[in-house]
Amino acid sequence: MYNEPNYKWLESYKIYKQRCEDRTGMYYTEET
């Protein structure tokens, strides 16, 4: 029971981090 919410939060955090990285990558590509 305690593991499930934690796992969901971790997954959403992974997606959020990936989106952030994608955004920075796009910015870098546009700037360069």
C-alpha atoms as a PDB file:
ATOM      1  CA  MET A   1       0.000   0.000   0.000  1.00  0.00           C
ATOM      2  CA  TYR A   2       2.789   2.404   0.866  1.00  0.00           C
ATOM      3  CA  ASN A   3       4.798   1.507  -2.229  1.00  0.00           C
ATOM      4  CA  GLU A   4       2.137   2.208  -4.853  1.00  0.00           C
ATOM      5  CA  PRO A   5       1.742   6.009  -4.358  1.00  0.00           C
ATOM      6  CA  ASN A   6       5.485   6.332  -4.084  1.00  0.00           C
ATOM      7  CA  TYR A   7       5.912   4.520  -7.392  1.00  0.00           C
ATOM      8  CA  LYS A   8       3.294   6.722  -9.053  1.00  0.00           C
ATOM      9  CA  TRP A   9       5.048   9.861  -7.795  1.00  0.00           C
ATOM     10  CA  LEU A  10       8.394   8.563  -9.052  1.00  0.00           C
ATOM     11  CA  GLU A  11       6.940   7.895 -12.489  1.00  0.00           C
ATOM     12  CA  SER A  12       5.364  11.335 -12.779  1.00  0.00           C
ATOM     13  CA  TYR A  13       8.634  12.872 -11.566  1.00  0.00           C
ATOM     14  CA  LYS A  14      10.515  10.960 -14.274  1.00  0.00           C
ATOM     15  CA  ILE A  15       8.147  12.289 -16.936  1.00  0.00           C
ATOM     16  CA  TYR A  16       8.472  15.825 -15.532  1.00  0.00           C
ATOM     17  CA  LYS A  17      12.264  15.596 -15.538  1.00  0.00           C
ATOM     18  CA  GLN A  18      12.293  14.222 -19.077  1.00  0.00           C
ATOM     19  CA  ARG A  19      10.097  17.095 -20.252  1.00  0.00           C
ATOM     20  CA  CYS A  20      12.439  19.586 -18.600  1.00  0.00           C
ATOM     21  CA  GLU A  21      15.447  17.989 -20.287  1.00  0.00           C
ATOM     22  CA  ASP A  22      13.643  17.999 -23.636  1.00  0.00           C
ATOM     23  CA  ARG A  23      12.874  21.693 -23.219  1.00  0.00           C
ATOM     24  CA  THR A  24      16.442  22.619 -22.370  1.00  0.00           C
ATOM     25  CA  GLY A  25      17.615  20.506 -25.287  1.00  0.00           C
ATOM     26  CA  MET A  26      15.289  22.400 -27.596  1.00  0.00           C
ATOM     27  CA  TYR A  27      16.529  25.719 -26.253  1.00  0.00           C
ATOM     28  CA  TYR A  28      20.126  24.657 -26.732  1.00  0.00           C
ATOM     29  CA  THR A  29      19.411  23.590 -30.318  1.00  0.00           C
ATOM     30  CA  GLU A  30      17.677  26.888 -31.060  1.00  0.00           C
ATOM     31  CA  GLU A  31      20.442  28.968 -29.526  1.00  0.00           C
ATOM     32  CA  THR A  32      23.309  27.141 -31.185  1.00  0.00           C
END
